[in-house]
C-alpha atoms as a PDB file:
ATOM      1  CA  MET A   1    -108.718-108.906  37.071  1.00  0.00           C
ATOM      2  CA  ARG A   2    -109.686-108.800  40.744  1.00  0.00           C
ATOM      3  CA  THR A   3    -108.441-111.412  43.159  1.00  0.00           C
ATOM      4  CA  ALA A   4    -110.978-112.781  45.638  1.00  0.00           C
ATOM      5  CA  PHE A   5    -109.759-113.218  49.181  1.00  0.00           C
ATOM      6  CA  PRO A   6    -111.316-115.568  51.734  1.00  0.00           C
ATOM      7  CA  PRO A   7    -113.863-113.770  53.978  1.00  0.00           C
ATOM      8  CA  CYS A   8    -111.631-113.917  57.065  1.00  0.00           C
ATOM      9  CA  LEU A   9    -108.967-111.968  55.197  1.00  0.00           C
ATOM     10  CA  ASN A  10    -111.402-109.201  54.293  1.00  0.00           C
ATOM     11  CA  ARG A  11    -111.683-107.845  57.853  1.00  0.00           C
ATOM     12  CA  TRP A  12    -109.273-105.051  57.066  1.00  0.00           C
ATOM     13  CA  LYS A  13    -111.322-104.124  53.982  1.00  0.00           C
ATOM     14  CA  THR A  14    -114.536-103.969  55.998  1.00  0.00           C
ATOM     15  CA  LEU A  15    -112.953-101.728  58.631  1.00  0.00           C
ATOM     16  CA  TYR A  16    -111.295 -99.591  55.961  1.00  0.00           C
ATOM     17  CA  ARG A  17    -114.606 -98.979  54.204  1.00  0.00           C
ATOM     18  CA  ALA A  18    -116.309 -98.211  57.514  1.00  0.00           C
ATOM     19  CA  ALA A  19    -113.633 -95.614  58.271  1.00  0.00           C
ATOM     20  CA  ILE A  20    -113.671 -93.809  54.960  1.00  0.00           C
ATOM     21  CA  LEU A  21    -117.473 -93.789  54.790  1.00  0.00           C
ATOM     22  CA  GLU A  22    -118.046 -92.662  58.393  1.00  0.00           C
ATOM     23  CA  THR A  23    -119.937 -89.378  58.598  1.00  0.00           C
ATOM     24  CA  ASN A  24    -120.137 -89.054  62.388  1.00  0.00           C
ATOM     25  CA  LYS A  25    -117.112 -86.986  63.406  1.00  0.00           C
ATOM     26  CA  ALA A  26    -117.312 -88.295  66.968  1.00  0.00           C
ATOM     27  CA  ILE A  27    -116.828 -91.885  65.791  1.00  0.00           C
ATOM     28  CA  LEU A  28    -114.373 -91.147  62.989  1.00  0.00           C
ATOM     29  CA  PRO A  29    -111.118 -91.304  65.013  1.00  0.00           C
ATOM     30  CA  GLN A  30    -112.028 -94.736  66.397  1.00  0.00           C
ATOM     31  CA  ARG A  31    -112.974 -96.065  62.952  1.00  0.00           C
ATOM     32  CA  VAL A  32    -109.714 -94.860  61.428  1.00  0.00           C
ATOM     33  CA  SER A  33    -107.661 -96.344  64.276  1.00  0.00           C
ATOM     34  CA  GLU A  34    -109.420 -99.708  63.976  1.00  0.00           C
ATOM     35  CA  ALA A  35    -108.872 -99.764  60.224  1.00  0.00           C
ATOM     36  CA  GLU A  36    -105.196 -98.833  60.546  1.00  0.00           C
ATOM     37  CA  GLU A  37    -104.643-101.589  63.085  1.00  0.00           C
ATOM     38  CA  ALA A  38    -106.399-104.182  60.897  1.00  0.00           C
ATOM     39  CA  VAL A  39    -104.341-103.145  57.861  1.00  0.00           C
ATOM     40  CA  LYS A  40    -101.097-103.382  59.840  1.00  0.00           C
ATOM     41  CA  THR A  41    -102.084-106.763  61.283  1.00  0.00           C
ATOM     42  CA  ARG A  42    -102.842-108.149  57.828  1.00  0.00           C
ATOM     43  CA  GLY A  43     -99.561-106.700  56.570  1.00  0.00           C
ATOM     44  CA  ARG A  44     -97.686-108.649  59.238  1.00  0.00           C
ATOM     45  CA  GLU A  45     -99.502-111.839  58.182  1.00  0.00           C
ATOM     46  CA  ILE A  46     -98.447-111.257  54.578  1.00  0.00           C
ATOM     47  CA  PHE A  47     -94.876-110.630  55.705  1.00  0.00           C
ATOM     48  CA  TYR A  48     -94.834-114.175  57.064  1.00  0.00           C
ATOM     49  CA  GLY A  49     -95.965-115.556  53.702  1.00  0.00           C
ATOM     50  CA  LYS A  50     -99.745-115.785  53.864  1.00  0.00           C
ATOM     51  CA  GLY A  51    -100.838-113.335  51.200  1.00  0.00           C
ATOM     52  CA  THR A  52    -100.388-112.075  47.661  1.00  0.00           C
ATOM     53  CA  ALA A  53     -98.476-109.208  46.120  1.00  0.00           C
ATOM     54  CA  GLU A  54    -101.787-107.650  45.032  1.00  0.00           C
ATOM     55  CA  GLU A  55    -103.117-107.647  48.561  1.00  0.00           C
ATOM     56  CA  GLU A  56     -99.856-106.230  49.886  1.00  0.00           C
ATOM     57  CA  GLU A  57    -100.161-103.358  47.416  1.00  0.00           C
ATOM     58  CA  ALA A  58    -103.814-102.841  48.412  1.00  0.00           C
ATOM     59  CA  LEU A  59    -102.757-102.696  52.076  1.00  0.00           C
ATOM     60  CA  ASP A  60    -100.095-100.100  51.307  1.00  0.00           C
ATOM     61  CA  ASP A  61    -102.672 -98.031  49.416  1.00  0.00           C
ATOM     62  CA  ALA A  62    -105.216 -98.358  52.236  1.00  0.00           C
ATOM     63  CA  LEU A  63    -102.727 -97.320  54.905  1.00  0.00           C
ATOM     64  CA  TYR A  64    -101.662 -94.330  52.825  1.00  0.00           C
ATOM     65  CA  ALA A  65    -105.299 -93.328  52.268  1.00  0.00           C
ATOM     66  CA  LEU A  66    -106.154 -93.694  55.964  1.00  0.00           C
ATOM     67  CA  HIS A  67    -103.188 -91.524  56.893  1.00  0.00           C
ATOM     68  CA  ALA A  68    -104.232 -88.872  54.361  1.00  0.00           C
ATOM     69  CA  PHE A  69    -107.824 -89.099  55.571  1.00  0.00           C
ATOM     70  CA  ARG A  70    -106.741 -88.663  59.213  1.00  0.00           C
ATOM     71  CA  THR A  71    -104.572 -85.670  58.298  1.00  0.00           C
ATOM     72  CA  ALA A  72    -107.408 -84.052  56.331  1.00  0.00           C
ATOM     73  CA  TRP A  73    -110.035 -84.293  59.064  1.00  0.00           C
ATOM     74  CA  GLN A  74    -107.591 -83.236  61.765  1.00  0.00           C
ATOM     75  CA  HIS A  75    -106.712 -80.203  59.668  1.00  0.00           C
ATOM     76  CA  SER A  76    -110.378 -79.382  59.060  1.00  0.00           C
ATOM     77  CA  GLU A  77    -111.068 -79.537  62.816  1.00  0.00           C
ATOM     78  CA  ALA A  78    -108.215 -77.118  63.507  1.00  0.00           C
ATOM     79  CA  VAL A  79    -109.596 -74.500  61.122  1.00  0.00           C
END
Protein backbone atom coordinates (compact mmCIF):
# COMPACT_ATOMS: atom_id res chain seq x y z
CA MET A 1 0.00 0.00 0.00
CA ARG A 2 1.30 3.45 -0.92
CA THR A 3 1.42 6.23 1.62
CA ALA A 4 0.27 9.66 0.45
CA PHE A 5 2.37 12.58 1.57
CA PRO A 6 1.15 16.17 1.78
CA PRO A 7 2.00 18.17 -1.40
CA CYS A 8 4.66 20.29 0.34
CA LEU A 9 6.56 17.13 1.22
CA ASN A 10 6.60 15.96 -2.39
CA ARG A 11 9.07 18.62 -3.56
CA TRP A 12 11.92 16.15 -3.44
CA LYS A 13 9.90 13.68 -5.52
CA THR A 14 9.16 16.30 -8.17
CA LEU A 15 12.83 17.28 -8.43
CA TYR A 16 13.91 13.63 -8.42
CA ARG A 17 11.60 12.81 -11.33
CA ALA A 18 12.75 15.89 -13.22
CA ALA A 19 16.36 14.77 -12.82
CA ILE A 20 15.95 11.18 -13.89
CA LEU A 21 13.74 12.11 -16.84
CA GLU A 22 15.91 14.99 -18.10
CA THR A 23 17.14 14.43 -21.65
CA ASN A 24 19.07 17.68 -22.12
CA LYS A 25 22.66 16.90 -21.11
CA ALA A 26 23.39 20.58 -20.54
CA ILE A 27 20.69 20.81 -17.86
CA LEU A 28 21.22 17.37 -16.35
CA PRO A 29 23.93 18.27 -13.78
CA GLN A 30 21.78 21.08 -12.36
CA ARG A 31 18.69 18.86 -12.15
CA VAL A 32 20.60 16.12 -10.35
CA SER A 33 22.14 18.61 -7.90
CA GLU A 34 18.75 20.16 -7.13
CA ALA A 35 17.21 16.74 -6.56
CA GLU A 36 20.07 15.61 -4.31
CA GLU A 37 19.76 18.75 -2.21
CA ALA A 38 15.98 18.35 -1.87
CA VAL A 39 16.37 14.70 -0.85
CA LYS A 40 18.99 15.59 1.76
CA THR A 41 16.87 18.46 3.09
CA ARG A 42 13.85 16.19 3.48
CA GLY A 43 16.06 13.59 5.14
CA ARG A 44 17.10 16.15 7.75
CA GLU A 45 13.43 16.99 8.39
CA ILE A 46 12.68 13.30 8.94
CA PHE A 47 15.65 13.02 11.27
CA TYR A 48 13.96 15.58 13.51
CA GLY A 49 10.77 13.50 13.60
CA LYS A 50 8.57 14.82 10.82
CA GLY A 51 8.30 11.84 8.50
CA THR A 52 7.69 8.12 8.15
CA ALA A 53 9.95 5.11 7.86
CA GLU A 54 8.60 4.49 4.35
CA GLU A 55 9.55 7.96 3.21
CA GLU A 56 12.98 7.64 4.80
CA GLU A 57 13.54 4.44 2.82
CA ALA A 58 12.30 6.16 -0.36
CA LEU A 59 14.77 9.00 0.26
CA ASP A 60 17.64 6.56 0.70
CA ASP A 61 16.66 4.83 -2.54
CA ALA A 62 16.36 8.15 -4.39
CA LEU A 63 19.75 9.37 -3.19
CA TYR A 64 21.35 6.08 -4.20
CA ALA A 65 19.70 6.24 -7.63
CA LEU A 66 20.76 9.87 -8.17
CA HIS A 67 24.33 8.98 -7.27
CA ALA A 68 24.30 6.03 -9.68
CA PHE A 69 22.70 8.21 -12.36
CA ARG A 70 25.36 10.92 -11.90
CA THR A 71 28.15 8.33 -12.08
CA ALA A 72 26.68 6.78 -15.25
CA TRP A 73 26.36 10.02 -17.21
CA GLN A 74 29.75 11.27 -16.06
CA HIS A 75 31.26 8.00 -17.23
CA SER A 76 29.45 8.20 -20.57
CA GLU A 77 30.77 11.75 -21.12
CA ALA A 78 34.33 10.59 -20.46
CA VAL A 79 34.16 7.88 -23.11
